[in-house]
């Protein structure tokens, strides 16, 4: 089972489901700020210090893979120009919260596409 989380930053009150759809489709949303992928990657790697990391962002792939020791699950992080997604495989909710906290602490509110809700205090 997988769980996906999305993060972006805007100071505007927008239709979050529509913003998510546009960003997934590769559109630029003028009201959404550009990301700093290197800072996000560093925060996620630091949040899981014992995990194997493939920080391929520097190689231009726009992706970071994190794998738990043994067969403990994985996180696939994808970076767009305005949104980062973290897809968690085989993880427990406690580990999801570590992912969420690492990115939210950078000022990027969580959007949960499974329930269509953005946790930014506006909805």
N, C-alpha and C. Protein backbone atom coordinates (compact mmCIF):
# COMPACT_ATOMS: atom_id res chain seq x y z
N UNK A 1 0.83 -1.18 0.00
CA UNK A 1 0.00 0.00 0.00
C UNK A 1 0.87 1.24 0.00
N UNK A 2 0.43 2.24 -0.74
CA UNK A 2 1.19 3.49 -0.77
C UNK A 2 0.33 4.64 -0.30
N UNK A 3 1.01 5.70 0.08
CA UNK A 3 0.36 6.93 0.53
C UNK A 3 1.15 8.08 -0.07
N UNK A 4 0.46 9.01 -0.72
CA UNK A 4 1.16 10.15 -1.32
C UNK A 4 0.79 11.44 -0.61
N UNK A 5 1.79 12.30 -0.49
CA UNK A 5 1.61 13.63 0.09
C UNK A 5 2.19 14.64 -0.88
N UNK A 6 1.57 15.81 -0.95
CA UNK A 6 2.04 16.87 -1.84
C UNK A 6 2.22 18.16 -1.03
N UNK A 7 3.18 18.96 -1.46
CA UNK A 7 3.49 20.18 -0.73
C UNK A 7 3.79 21.31 -1.72
N UNK A 8 3.24 22.47 -1.46
CA UNK A 8 3.58 23.68 -2.21
C UNK A 8 3.31 24.88 -1.31
N UNK A 9 3.80 26.05 -1.74
CA UNK A 9 3.67 27.26 -0.92
C UNK A 9 2.99 28.35 -1.73
N UNK A 10 1.99 28.96 -1.11
CA UNK A 10 1.33 30.12 -1.68
C UNK A 10 0.76 30.94 -0.53
N UNK A 11 0.65 32.24 -0.74
CA UNK A 11 0.02 33.09 0.26
C UNK A 11 -1.44 33.36 -0.11
N UNK A 12 -1.87 32.83 -1.23
CA UNK A 12 -3.23 33.03 -1.72
C UNK A 12 -4.17 31.93 -1.23
N UNK A 13 -5.45 32.26 -1.14
CA UNK A 13 -6.49 31.25 -0.88
C UNK A 13 -6.93 30.73 -2.24
N UNK A 14 -6.58 29.49 -2.52
CA UNK A 14 -6.86 28.89 -3.82
C UNK A 14 -7.63 27.58 -3.63
N UNK A 15 -8.24 27.10 -4.69
CA UNK A 15 -8.88 25.79 -4.71
C UNK A 15 -7.75 24.75 -4.74
N UNK A 16 -7.49 24.14 -3.60
CA UNK A 16 -6.34 23.24 -3.48
C UNK A 16 -6.40 22.05 -4.42
N UNK A 17 -7.59 21.48 -4.59
CA UNK A 17 -7.71 20.33 -5.50
C UNK A 17 -7.38 20.75 -6.92
N UNK A 18 -7.80 21.94 -7.31
CA UNK A 18 -7.52 22.44 -8.67
C UNK A 18 -6.03 22.75 -8.81
N UNK A 19 -5.42 23.36 -7.80
CA UNK A 19 -3.99 23.64 -7.84
C UNK A 19 -3.21 22.33 -7.98
N UNK A 20 -3.56 21.33 -7.18
CA UNK A 20 -2.89 20.03 -7.25
C UNK A 20 -3.00 19.45 -8.65
N UNK A 21 -4.20 19.45 -9.20
CA UNK A 21 -4.42 18.92 -10.54
C UNK A 21 -3.56 19.65 -11.57
N UNK A 22 -3.51 20.96 -11.48
CA UNK A 22 -2.71 21.75 -12.43
C UNK A 22 -1.23 21.44 -12.29
N UNK A 23 -0.74 21.36 -11.05
CA UNK A 23 0.68 21.10 -10.83
C UNK A 23 1.06 19.69 -11.28
N UNK A 24 0.20 18.72 -11.02
CA UNK A 24 0.45 17.34 -11.47
C UNK A 24 0.54 17.29 -12.99
N UNK A 25 -0.26 18.11 -13.65
CA UNK A 25 -0.25 18.15 -15.12
C UNK A 25 0.87 19.00 -15.69
N UNK A 26 1.76 19.52 -14.83
CA UNK A 26 2.92 20.26 -15.29
C UNK A 26 2.66 21.72 -15.58
N UNK A 27 1.48 22.22 -15.22
CA UNK A 27 1.19 23.63 -15.43
C UNK A 27 1.91 24.48 -14.38
N UNK A 28 2.23 25.71 -14.76
CA UNK A 28 2.75 26.68 -13.81
C UNK A 28 1.56 27.45 -13.26
N UNK A 29 1.48 27.51 -11.94
CA UNK A 29 0.41 28.25 -11.27
C UNK A 29 1.04 29.53 -10.73
N UNK A 30 0.72 30.69 -11.31
CA UNK A 30 1.40 31.93 -10.94
C UNK A 30 1.36 32.26 -9.45
N UNK A 31 0.31 31.86 -8.75
CA UNK A 31 0.18 32.18 -7.33
C UNK A 31 1.00 31.26 -6.43
N UNK A 32 1.61 30.22 -6.99
CA UNK A 32 2.39 29.26 -6.21
C UNK A 32 3.87 29.57 -6.38
N UNK A 33 4.59 29.56 -5.27
CA UNK A 33 6.01 29.90 -5.28
C UNK A 33 6.87 28.77 -5.84
N UNK A 34 8.02 29.13 -6.35
CA UNK A 34 9.01 28.14 -6.81
C UNK A 34 9.60 27.44 -5.58
N UNK A 35 10.00 26.20 -5.78
CA UNK A 35 10.58 25.39 -4.71
C UNK A 35 12.09 25.52 -4.64
N UNK A 36 12.63 25.11 -3.50
CA UNK A 36 14.07 24.94 -3.31
C UNK A 36 14.31 23.45 -3.09
N UNK A 37 14.38 22.66 -4.17
CA UNK A 37 14.48 21.20 -4.02
C UNK A 37 15.65 20.73 -3.18
N UNK A 38 16.78 21.39 -3.26
CA UNK A 38 17.95 20.93 -2.50
C UNK A 38 17.68 20.99 -1.00
N UNK A 39 16.99 22.02 -0.54
CA UNK A 39 16.68 22.14 0.89
C UNK A 39 15.70 21.05 1.32
N UNK A 40 14.74 20.74 0.46
CA UNK A 40 13.76 19.70 0.76
C UNK A 40 14.45 18.34 0.82
N UNK A 41 15.29 18.07 -0.16
CA UNK A 41 16.01 16.80 -0.18
C UNK A 41 16.86 16.65 1.08
N UNK A 42 17.60 17.71 1.44
CA UNK A 42 18.46 17.64 2.63
C UNK A 42 17.64 17.39 3.89
N UNK A 43 16.47 18.03 4.00
CA UNK A 43 15.63 17.84 5.18
C UNK A 43 15.10 16.41 5.28
N UNK A 44 14.71 15.84 4.15
CA UNK A 44 14.20 14.47 4.18
C UNK A 44 15.31 13.46 4.47
N UNK A 45 16.48 13.66 3.90
CA UNK A 45 17.60 12.75 4.19
C UNK A 45 17.98 12.85 5.67
N UNK A 46 17.97 14.06 6.22
CA UNK A 46 18.30 14.24 7.64
C UNK A 46 17.23 13.62 8.54
N UNK A 47 15.98 13.60 8.09
CA UNK A 47 14.90 13.04 8.90
C UNK A 47 14.97 11.52 9.01
N UNK A 48 15.67 10.90 8.06
CA UNK A 48 15.80 9.43 8.04
C UNK A 48 17.29 9.08 7.95
N UNK A 49 18.07 9.37 9.00
CA UNK A 49 19.53 9.23 8.91
C UNK A 49 20.02 7.80 8.71
N UNK A 50 19.25 6.80 9.12
CA UNK A 50 19.69 5.41 8.99
C UNK A 50 19.22 4.76 7.70
N UNK A 51 18.56 5.51 6.87
CA UNK A 51 18.02 4.97 5.62
C UNK A 51 19.02 5.16 4.49
N UNK A 52 18.94 4.27 3.52
CA UNK A 52 19.77 4.42 2.32
C UNK A 52 19.13 5.49 1.44
N UNK A 53 19.93 6.44 1.02
CA UNK A 53 19.41 7.55 0.21
C UNK A 53 20.06 7.55 -1.16
N UNK A 54 19.25 7.75 -2.17
CA UNK A 54 19.74 7.96 -3.52
C UNK A 54 19.37 9.39 -3.89
N UNK A 55 20.23 10.34 -3.50
CA UNK A 55 19.93 11.74 -3.76
C UNK A 55 20.27 12.12 -5.21
N UNK A 56 19.44 11.70 -6.12
CA UNK A 56 19.72 11.91 -7.55
C UNK A 56 19.29 13.28 -8.04
N UNK A 57 18.79 14.10 -7.14
CA UNK A 57 18.37 15.45 -7.52
C UNK A 57 19.51 16.21 -8.18
N UNK A 58 20.71 16.10 -7.60
CA UNK A 58 21.86 16.81 -8.16
C UNK A 58 22.18 16.35 -9.57
N UNK A 59 21.83 15.12 -9.90
CA UNK A 59 22.06 14.61 -11.25
C UNK A 59 21.01 15.05 -12.24
N UNK A 60 20.04 15.86 -11.78
CA UNK A 60 19.03 16.39 -12.68
C UNK A 60 17.80 15.53 -12.86
N UNK A 61 17.65 14.48 -12.04
CA UNK A 61 16.51 13.59 -12.24
C UNK A 61 15.22 14.13 -11.63
N UNK A 62 15.32 15.05 -10.68
CA UNK A 62 14.12 15.55 -10.02
C UNK A 62 13.50 14.54 -9.09
N UNK A 63 14.33 13.65 -8.54
CA UNK A 63 13.81 12.58 -7.69
C UNK A 63 14.82 12.24 -6.60
N UNK A 64 14.29 11.83 -5.45
CA UNK A 64 15.10 11.29 -4.36
C UNK A 64 14.42 10.01 -3.89
N UNK A 65 15.20 8.96 -3.76
CA UNK A 65 14.67 7.69 -3.23
C UNK A 65 15.30 7.45 -1.85
N UNK A 66 14.47 7.10 -0.88
CA UNK A 66 14.93 6.74 0.45
C UNK A 66 14.41 5.35 0.76
N UNK A 67 15.29 4.46 1.22
CA UNK A 67 14.90 3.09 1.53
C UNK A 67 15.25 2.76 2.97
N UNK A 68 14.27 2.24 3.68
CA UNK A 68 14.48 1.83 5.06
C UNK A 68 15.38 0.60 5.11
N UNK A 69 16.08 0.40 6.22
CA UNK A 69 16.91 -0.80 6.35
C UNK A 69 16.06 -2.06 6.20
N UNK A 70 16.65 -3.09 5.63
CA UNK A 70 15.93 -4.34 5.41
C UNK A 70 14.83 -4.14 4.39
N UNK A 71 13.67 -4.62 4.70
CA UNK A 71 12.52 -4.47 3.81
C UNK A 71 11.48 -3.59 4.49
N UNK A 72 11.96 -2.49 5.07
CA UNK A 72 11.09 -1.64 5.90
C UNK A 72 10.35 -0.55 5.18
N UNK A 73 10.34 -0.55 3.86
CA UNK A 73 9.59 0.46 3.13
C UNK A 73 10.50 1.46 2.43
N UNK A 74 9.87 2.36 1.72
CA UNK A 74 10.62 3.34 0.94
C UNK A 74 9.80 4.61 0.73
N UNK A 75 10.51 5.66 0.37
CA UNK A 75 9.89 6.94 0.03
C UNK A 75 10.45 7.39 -1.30
N UNK A 76 9.56 7.70 -2.23
CA UNK A 76 9.92 8.21 -3.54
C UNK A 76 9.51 9.68 -3.57
N UNK A 77 10.48 10.57 -3.64
CA UNK A 77 10.22 12.00 -3.61
C UNK A 77 10.43 12.56 -5.01
N UNK A 78 9.41 13.23 -5.52
CA UNK A 78 9.50 13.85 -6.84
C UNK A 78 9.38 15.35 -6.74
N UNK A 79 10.21 16.06 -7.49
CA UNK A 79 10.25 17.52 -7.43
C UNK A 79 9.80 18.12 -8.75
N UNK A 80 8.82 19.01 -8.68
CA UNK A 80 8.46 19.83 -9.81
C UNK A 80 8.96 21.24 -9.52
N UNK A 81 8.69 22.16 -10.40
CA UNK A 81 9.17 23.52 -10.15
C UNK A 81 8.42 24.19 -9.01
N UNK A 82 7.17 23.72 -8.73
CA UNK A 82 6.37 24.37 -7.69
C UNK A 82 5.79 23.40 -6.66
N UNK A 83 5.97 22.12 -6.85
CA UNK A 83 5.39 21.14 -5.93
C UNK A 83 6.35 19.97 -5.74
N UNK A 84 6.35 19.47 -4.51
CA UNK A 84 7.09 18.24 -4.21
C UNK A 84 6.07 17.20 -3.77
N UNK A 85 6.24 15.97 -4.24
CA UNK A 85 5.39 14.86 -3.80
C UNK A 85 6.27 13.83 -3.11
N UNK A 86 5.72 13.23 -2.09
CA UNK A 86 6.40 12.14 -1.39
C UNK A 86 5.44 10.97 -1.38
N UNK A 87 5.83 9.89 -2.04
CA UNK A 87 5.02 8.68 -2.07
C UNK A 87 5.69 7.66 -1.17
N UNK A 88 4.95 7.22 -0.16
CA UNK A 88 5.48 6.32 0.85
C UNK A 88 4.95 4.91 0.58
N UNK A 89 5.86 3.95 0.58
CA UNK A 89 5.53 2.55 0.34
C UNK A 89 5.88 1.72 1.57
N UNK A 90 4.92 0.97 2.09
CA UNK A 90 5.18 0.06 3.19
C UNK A 90 5.55 0.74 4.49
N UNK A 91 5.10 1.96 4.70
CA UNK A 91 5.43 2.70 5.92
C UNK A 91 4.22 2.79 6.83
N UNK A 92 4.49 3.02 8.08
CA UNK A 92 3.45 3.21 9.09
C UNK A 92 3.12 4.71 9.20
N UNK A 93 1.94 5.04 9.73
CA UNK A 93 1.57 6.45 9.89
C UNK A 93 2.60 7.28 10.66
N UNK A 94 3.29 6.67 11.61
CA UNK A 94 4.31 7.42 12.36
C UNK A 94 5.42 7.90 11.42
N UNK A 95 5.77 7.06 10.45
CA UNK A 95 6.80 7.44 9.48
C UNK A 95 6.27 8.47 8.50
N UNK A 96 4.99 8.38 8.14
CA UNK A 96 4.38 9.42 7.29
C UNK A 96 4.52 10.77 7.97
N UNK A 97 4.29 10.78 9.30
CA UNK A 97 4.37 12.03 10.04
C UNK A 97 5.77 12.63 10.04
N UNK A 98 6.79 11.78 10.01
CA UNK A 98 8.16 12.28 9.92
C UNK A 98 8.38 12.98 8.57
N UNK A 99 7.89 12.35 7.50
CA UNK A 99 7.99 12.96 6.17
C UNK A 99 7.27 14.30 6.16
N UNK A 100 6.04 14.30 6.64
CA UNK A 100 5.23 15.52 6.65
C UNK A 100 5.92 16.61 7.44
N UNK A 101 6.38 16.31 8.64
CA UNK A 101 7.03 17.32 9.49
C UNK A 101 8.28 17.89 8.84
N UNK A 102 9.07 17.04 8.21
CA UNK A 102 10.32 17.50 7.59
C UNK A 102 10.04 18.56 6.52
N UNK A 103 8.96 18.37 5.75
CA UNK A 103 8.67 19.31 4.67
C UNK A 103 7.86 20.51 5.18
N UNK A 104 6.90 20.27 6.05
CA UNK A 104 6.10 21.36 6.61
C UNK A 104 7.01 22.34 7.37
N UNK A 105 8.03 21.83 8.03
CA UNK A 105 8.96 22.70 8.76
C UNK A 105 9.71 23.65 7.83
N UNK A 106 9.70 23.39 6.54
CA UNK A 106 10.31 24.28 5.56
C UNK A 106 9.30 25.31 5.03
N UNK A 107 8.11 25.33 5.61
CA UNK A 107 7.10 26.29 5.20
C UNK A 107 6.26 25.86 4.02
N UNK A 108 6.19 24.55 3.78
CA UNK A 108 5.40 24.01 2.68
C UNK A 108 4.24 23.20 3.26
N UNK A 109 3.03 23.76 3.29
CA UNK A 109 1.90 23.04 3.86
C UNK A 109 1.58 21.76 3.10
N UNK A 110 1.00 20.82 3.82
CA UNK A 110 0.63 19.52 3.28
C UNK A 110 -0.69 19.59 2.53
N UNK A 111 -0.72 18.95 1.36
CA UNK A 111 -1.97 18.64 0.67
C UNK A 111 -2.05 17.12 0.60
N UNK A 112 -3.16 16.57 1.08
CA UNK A 112 -3.35 15.11 1.04
C UNK A 112 -4.31 14.79 -0.10
N UNK A 113 -3.79 14.28 -1.22
CA UNK A 113 -4.66 14.01 -2.37
C UNK A 113 -5.65 12.87 -2.14
N UNK A 114 -5.39 12.03 -1.15
CA UNK A 114 -6.32 10.94 -0.85
C UNK A 114 -7.65 11.48 -0.33
N UNK A 115 -7.60 12.59 0.39
CA UNK A 115 -8.82 13.17 0.95
C UNK A 115 -9.14 14.54 0.35
N UNK A 116 -8.26 15.04 -0.52
CA UNK A 116 -8.51 16.33 -1.17
C UNK A 116 -8.50 17.50 -0.23
N UNK A 117 -7.57 17.48 0.75
CA UNK A 117 -7.54 18.55 1.74
C UNK A 117 -6.13 19.09 1.93
N UNK A 118 -6.03 20.40 2.02
CA UNK A 118 -4.75 21.07 2.27
C UNK A 118 -4.75 21.61 3.69
N UNK A 119 -3.73 21.25 4.44
CA UNK A 119 -3.61 21.64 5.83
C UNK A 119 -2.83 22.95 5.95
N UNK A 120 -3.50 24.03 5.56
CA UNK A 120 -2.83 25.33 5.58
C UNK A 120 -3.59 26.38 6.38
N UNK A 121 -4.68 25.97 7.04
CA UNK A 121 -5.45 26.89 7.85
C UNK A 121 -6.46 27.72 7.06
N UNK A 122 -6.52 27.53 5.74
CA UNK A 122 -7.45 28.31 4.92
C UNK A 122 -8.71 27.53 4.58
N UNK A 123 -8.70 26.23 4.66
CA UNK A 123 -9.87 25.44 4.21
C UNK A 123 -10.73 25.02 5.38
